[in-house]
Protein backbone atom coordinates (compact mmCIF):
# COMPACT_ATOMS: atom_id res chain seq x y z
CA MET A 1 -27.18 30.88 129.47
CA ASP A 2 -24.57 29.64 131.93
CA THR A 3 -21.69 29.38 129.46
CA ILE A 4 -19.24 27.83 131.91
CA LYS A 5 -21.73 25.09 132.84
CA ARG A 6 -22.51 24.46 129.17
CA VAL A 7 -18.83 24.16 128.30
CA GLN A 8 -18.25 21.81 131.27
CA ASP A 9 -21.20 19.63 130.21
CA LEU A 10 -19.93 19.44 126.63
CA MET A 11 -16.41 18.67 127.82
CA GLN A 12 -17.80 15.78 129.85
CA VAL A 13 -19.85 14.43 126.93
CA ARG A 14 -16.79 14.65 124.67
CA ASP A 15 -14.45 13.25 127.35
CA MET A 16 -12.29 16.39 127.19
CA ASN A 17 -10.31 18.16 129.86
CA LEU A 18 -9.41 21.84 130.18
CA CYS A 19 -6.06 21.40 128.45
CA VAL A 20 -7.66 19.91 125.34
CA LEU A 21 -10.38 22.57 125.32
CA ALA A 22 -7.83 25.35 125.69
CA LYS A 23 -5.82 24.06 122.72
CA LYS A 24 -8.92 23.68 120.53
CA CYS A 25 -10.20 27.15 121.41
CA GLY A 26 -6.95 29.06 121.45
CA ILE A 27 -7.58 30.32 124.97
CA SER A 28 -5.06 29.77 127.73
CA HIS A 29 -5.82 27.00 130.21
CA SER A 30 -5.46 29.46 133.08
CA THR A 31 -8.06 31.83 131.59
CA ILE A 32 -10.66 29.09 131.32
CA GLN A 33 -9.85 27.71 134.75
CA THR A 34 -9.87 31.12 136.45
CA THR A 35 -13.16 32.10 134.81
CA ALA A 36 -14.79 28.86 135.95
CA ARG A 37 -13.35 29.07 139.46
CA ARG A 38 -14.53 32.64 139.97
CA GLY A 39 -18.02 31.88 138.67
CA GLY A 40 -17.64 34.14 135.64
CA GLN A 41 -19.10 33.70 132.19
CA PHE A 42 -17.68 33.79 128.69
CA SER A 43 -19.19 36.43 126.46
CA VAL A 44 -20.65 35.30 123.15
CA GLU A 45 -18.07 37.47 121.43
CA THR A 46 -15.21 35.71 123.23
CA ILE A 47 -16.65 32.31 122.40
CA GLU A 48 -17.04 33.15 118.72
CA ARG A 49 -13.64 34.83 118.46
CA SER A 50 -11.82 31.99 120.16
CA GLY A 51 -13.25 29.25 118.00
CA CYS A 52 -15.15 27.62 120.87
CA ALA A 53 -18.20 27.70 118.64
CA ALA A 54 -16.54 24.72 116.96
CA ILE A 55 -17.41 22.57 119.97
CA SER A 56 -21.07 23.57 119.65
CA ILE A 57 -21.78 25.33 122.90
CA GLN A 58 -24.93 26.80 121.40
CA ASP A 59 -28.30 25.55 122.57
CA PRO A 60 -29.36 22.42 120.70
């Protein structure tokens, strides 16, 4: 799964920006932005630990 793409899609659906996402997940804005810019992926462990699971990035 392309976790960055999934997060970006969900942010768009929820009308969120990176700052809001970072605050909700407890991850710094720069970490999210750098990961996306470099084409990286979030590990499932990082997503679960950070609380990003709360925005439902799992497959429907």
